[in-house]
Amino acid sequence: MAAKKSSTPNRGFKVADQIQRDLTELIARELKDPRVGMVTLQGVEVTPDYAHAKVFFSVLLGDPQATQEALNQAAGFLRNGLFKRLHIHTVPTLHFVYDRTTERASDMNALIARAVASRSKDDEAA
């Protein structure tokens, strides 16, 4: 049996993008938890049935673990805020996941810089 095609192509991506924009605004303006500092939402992945959404975030300041706990505790509040803003039948349950991509990129840049510096010293010595 063939899978049912959505009437709007890439609707899942559009919904995920809208959730990311609305959550960014909700967290910045309405979430009053002191454990949530400067949070950047990196991306949102929505399941095909819109039942669940993984929200990837990074923090500029603060403890990522404490921020993740605070965001997951506030998930119901944030979902309610999304329900008022989004015009879809099912607003997904939110699951916040700390995104280590920026840390890994920084580590890789440092390794590359060390390798280049080491190579230039070797070239000068030869």
C-alpha atoms as a PDB file:
ATOM      1  CA  MET A   1       0.000   0.000   0.000  1.00  0.00           C
ATOM      2  CA  ALA A   2       1.489   3.341  -1.015  1.00  0.00           C
ATOM      3  CA  ALA A   3       2.119   6.029   1.550  1.00  0.00           C
ATOM      4  CA  LYS A   4      -0.282   8.943   1.466  1.00  0.00           C
ATOM      5  CA  LYS A   5       1.299  12.002  -0.081  1.00  0.00           C
ATOM      6  CA  SER A   6       0.846  15.323   1.644  1.00  0.00           C
ATOM      7  CA  SER A   7      -1.028  17.915  -0.372  1.00  0.00           C
ATOM      8  CA  THR A   8       1.710  20.449   0.396  1.00  0.00           C
ATOM      9  CA  PRO A   9       5.275  19.402  -0.413  1.00  0.00           C
ATOM     10  CA  ASN A  10       7.761  19.815   2.432  1.00  0.00           C
ATOM     11  CA  ARG A  11       4.990  20.629   4.895  1.00  0.00           C
ATOM     12  CA  GLY A  12       6.925  18.931   7.705  1.00  0.00           C
ATOM     13  CA  PHE A  13       9.880  21.241   7.129  1.00  0.00           C
ATOM     14  CA  LYS A  14       7.625  24.279   7.064  1.00  0.00           C
ATOM     15  CA  VAL A  15       5.925  23.258  10.306  1.00  0.00           C
ATOM     16  CA  ALA A  16       9.309  22.592  11.952  1.00  0.00           C
ATOM     17  CA  ASP A  17      10.580  25.985  10.807  1.00  0.00           C
ATOM     18  CA  GLN A  18       7.488  27.745  12.162  1.00  0.00           C
ATOM     19  CA  ILE A  19       7.794  25.877  15.475  1.00  0.00           C
ATOM     20  CA  GLN A  20      11.417  27.008  15.734  1.00  0.00           C
ATOM     21  CA  ARG A  21      10.509  30.655  15.107  1.00  0.00           C
ATOM     22  CA  ASP A  22       7.593  30.607  17.558  1.00  0.00           C
ATOM     23  CA  LEU A  23       9.560  28.769  20.259  1.00  0.00           C
ATOM     24  CA  THR A  24      12.410  31.255  19.962  1.00  0.00           C
ATOM     25  CA  GLU A  25       9.982  34.065  20.658  1.00  0.00           C
ATOM     26  CA  LEU A  26       8.178  32.204  23.459  1.00  0.00           C
ATOM     27  CA  ILE A  27      11.399  31.304  25.272  1.00  0.00           C
ATOM     28  CA  ALA A  28      12.764  34.832  24.993  1.00  0.00           C
ATOM     29  CA  ARG A  29       9.594  36.670  26.008  1.00  0.00           C
ATOM     30  CA  GLU A  30       7.425  34.423  28.145  1.00  0.00           C
ATOM     31  CA  LEU A  31       9.626  31.837  29.851  1.00  0.00           C
ATOM     32  CA  LYS A  32      10.711  33.197  33.224  1.00  0.00           C
ATOM     33  CA  ASP A  33      12.858  30.278  34.461  1.00  0.00           C
ATOM     34  CA  PRO A  34      16.243  31.607  35.697  1.00  0.00           C
ATOM     35  CA  ARG A  35      17.956  28.360  34.630  1.00  0.00           C
ATOM     36  CA  VAL A  36      17.246  29.223  31.000  1.00  0.00           C
ATOM     37  CA  GLY A  37      19.777  31.806  29.935  1.00  0.00           C
ATOM     38  CA  MET A  38      20.733  32.790  26.431  1.00  0.00           C
ATOM     39  CA  VAL A  39      19.366  29.877  24.409  1.00  0.00           C
ATOM     40  CA  THR A  40      19.710  29.518  20.653  1.00  0.00           C
ATOM     41  CA  LEU A  41      17.450  27.059  18.888  1.00  0.00           C
ATOM     42  CA  GLN A  42      19.519  25.276  16.253  1.00  0.00           C
ATOM     43  CA  GLY A  43      16.773  23.244  14.633  1.00  0.00           C
ATOM     44  CA  VAL A  44      13.545  21.291  15.024  1.00  0.00           C
ATOM     45  CA  GLU A  45      12.759  17.797  13.753  1.00  0.00           C
ATOM     46  CA  VAL A  46       9.082  16.857  13.615  1.00  0.00           C
ATOM     47  CA  THR A  47       7.819  13.286  13.264  1.00  0.00           C
ATOM     48  CA  PRO A  48       5.643  12.644  10.186  1.00  0.00           C
ATOM     49  CA  ASP A  49       2.490  12.458  12.323  1.00  0.00           C
ATOM     50  CA  TYR A  50       3.377  15.718  14.148  1.00  0.00           C
ATOM     51  CA  ALA A  51       3.109  13.938  17.514  1.00  0.00           C
ATOM     52  CA  HIS A  52       6.663  14.711  18.660  1.00  0.00           C
ATOM     53  CA  ALA A  53       9.285  17.331  17.941  1.00  0.00           C
ATOM     54  CA  LYS A  54      12.956  17.267  18.882  1.00  0.00           C
ATOM     55  CA  VAL A  55      14.171  20.780  19.521  1.00  0.00           C
ATOM     56  CA  PHE A  56      17.948  21.168  19.300  1.00  0.00           C
ATOM     57  CA  PHE A  57      19.410  24.068  21.272  1.00  0.00           C
ATOM     58  CA  SER A  58      22.731  25.536  22.370  1.00  0.00           C
ATOM     59  CA  VAL A  59      23.525  27.911  25.204  1.00  0.00           C
ATOM     60  CA  LEU A  60      25.831  30.904  25.243  1.00  0.00           C
ATOM     61  CA  LEU A  61      26.070  31.102  29.022  1.00  0.00           C
ATOM     62  CA  GLY A  62      25.112  28.645  31.719  1.00  0.00           C
ATOM     63  CA  ASP A  63      24.987  24.930  32.300  1.00  0.00           C
ATOM     64  CA  PRO A  64      23.590  22.996  29.311  1.00  0.00           C
ATOM     65  CA  GLN A  65      22.286  20.163  31.516  1.00  0.00           C
ATOM     66  CA  ALA A  66      20.353  22.523  33.812  1.00  0.00           C
ATOM     67  CA  THR A  67      19.008  24.405  30.792  1.00  0.00           C
ATOM     68  CA  GLN A  68      17.856  21.151  29.187  1.00  0.00           C
ATOM     69  CA  GLU A  69      16.053  20.124  32.389  1.00  0.00           C
ATOM     70  CA  ALA A  70      14.380  23.535  32.644  1.00  0.00           C
ATOM     71  CA  LEU A  71      13.263  23.496  29.010  1.00  0.00           C
ATOM     72  CA  ASN A  72      11.897  19.962  29.277  1.00  0.00           C
ATOM     73  CA  GLN A  73      10.009  20.946  32.447  1.00  0.00           C
ATOM     74  CA  ALA A  74       8.576  23.961  30.621  1.00  0.00           C
ATOM     75  CA  ALA A  75       7.691  21.880  27.529  1.00  0.00           C
ATOM     76  CA  GLY A  76       3.988  21.799  28.438  1.00  0.00           C
ATOM     77  CA  PHE A  77       3.867  25.568  28.886  1.00  0.00           C
ATOM     78  CA  LEU A  78       5.701  26.100  25.600  1.00  0.00           C
ATOM     79  CA  ARG A  79       3.452  23.594  23.807  1.00  0.00           C
ATOM     80  CA  ASN A  80       0.401  25.501  25.066  1.00  0.00           C
ATOM     81  CA  GLY A  81       1.929  28.713  23.681  1.00  0.00           C
ATOM     82  CA  LEU A  82       2.509  26.997  20.357  1.00  0.00           C
ATOM     83  CA  PHE A  83      -1.080  25.746  20.331  1.00  0.00           C
ATOM     84  CA  LYS A  84      -2.276  29.363  20.469  1.00  0.00           C
ATOM     85  CA  ARG A  85       0.040  30.403  17.616  1.00  0.00           C
ATOM     86  CA  LEU A  86       0.049  27.465  15.216  1.00  0.00           C
ATOM     87  CA  HIS A  87      -2.957  26.578  13.163  1.00  0.00           C
ATOM     88  CA  ILE A  88      -2.460  22.830  12.887  1.00  0.00           C
ATOM     89  CA  HIS A  89      -4.548  19.994  14.226  1.00  0.00           C
ATOM     90  CA  THR A  90      -1.818  18.362  16.323  1.00  0.00           C
ATOM     91  CA  VAL A  91       0.776  20.421  18.164  1.00  0.00           C
ATOM     92  CA  PRO A  92       3.743  18.123  18.870  1.00  0.00           C
ATOM     93  CA  THR A  93       5.054  17.148  22.279  1.00  0.00           C
ATOM     94  CA  LEU A  94       8.379  18.942  22.681  1.00  0.00           C
ATOM     95  CA  HIS A  95      11.643  17.186  23.540  1.00  0.00           C
ATOM     96  CA  PHE A  96      14.654  19.456  24.061  1.00  0.00           C
ATOM     97  CA  VAL A  97      18.110  18.123  23.156  1.00  0.00           C
ATOM     98  CA  TYR A  98      21.403  19.943  23.739  1.00  0.00           C
ATOM     99  CA  ASP A  99      23.242  20.390  20.429  1.00  0.00           C
ATOM    100  CA  ARG A 100      27.027  20.026  20.718  1.00  0.00           C
ATOM    101  CA  THR A 101      27.713  20.971  17.094  1.00  0.00           C
ATOM    102  CA  THR A 102      29.144  24.411  17.909  1.00  0.00           C
ATOM    103  CA  GLU A 103      31.460  22.922  20.556  1.00  0.00           C
ATOM    104  CA  ARG A 104      32.689  20.281  18.119  1.00  0.00           C
ATOM    105  CA  ALA A 105      33.260  22.894  15.408  1.00  0.00           C
ATOM    106  CA  SER A 106      35.271  25.017  17.817  1.00  0.00           C
ATOM    107  CA  ASP A 107      37.379  22.008  18.823  1.00  0.00           C
ATOM    108  CA  MET A 108      38.000  21.139  15.166  1.00  0.00           C
ATOM    109  CA  ASN A 109      39.041  24.726  14.398  1.00  0.00           C
ATOM    110  CA  ALA A 110      41.495  24.630  17.301  1.00  0.00           C
ATOM    111  CA  LEU A 111      42.969  21.337  16.062  1.00  0.00           C
ATOM    112  CA  ILE A 112      43.349  22.704  12.540  1.00  0.00           C
ATOM    113  CA  ALA A 113      44.993  25.880  13.839  1.00  0.00           C
ATOM    114  CA  ARG A 114      47.465  23.807  15.895  1.00  0.00           C
ATOM    115  CA  ALA A 115      48.264  21.613  12.895  1.00  0.00           C
ATOM    116  CA  VAL A 116      48.854  24.650  10.669  1.00  0.00           C
ATOM    117  CA  ALA A 117      51.059  26.289  13.326  1.00  0.00           C
ATOM    118  CA  SER A 118      53.026  23.070  13.780  1.00  0.00           C
ATOM    119  CA  ARG A 119      53.477  22.713  10.037  1.00  0.00           C
ATOM    120  CA  SER A 120      54.709  26.295   9.640  1.00  0.00           C
ATOM    121  CA  LYS A 121      57.263  25.730  12.436  1.00  0.00           C
ATOM    122  CA  ASP A 122      58.437  22.569  10.679  1.00  0.00           C
ATOM    123  CA  ASP A 123      58.762  24.475   7.391  1.00  0.00           C
ATOM    124  CA  GLU A 124      60.816  27.226   9.101  1.00  0.00           C
ATOM    125  CA  ALA A 125      63.116  24.675  10.722  1.00  0.00           C
ATOM    126  CA  ALA A 126      63.809  22.971   7.382  1.00  0.00           C
END
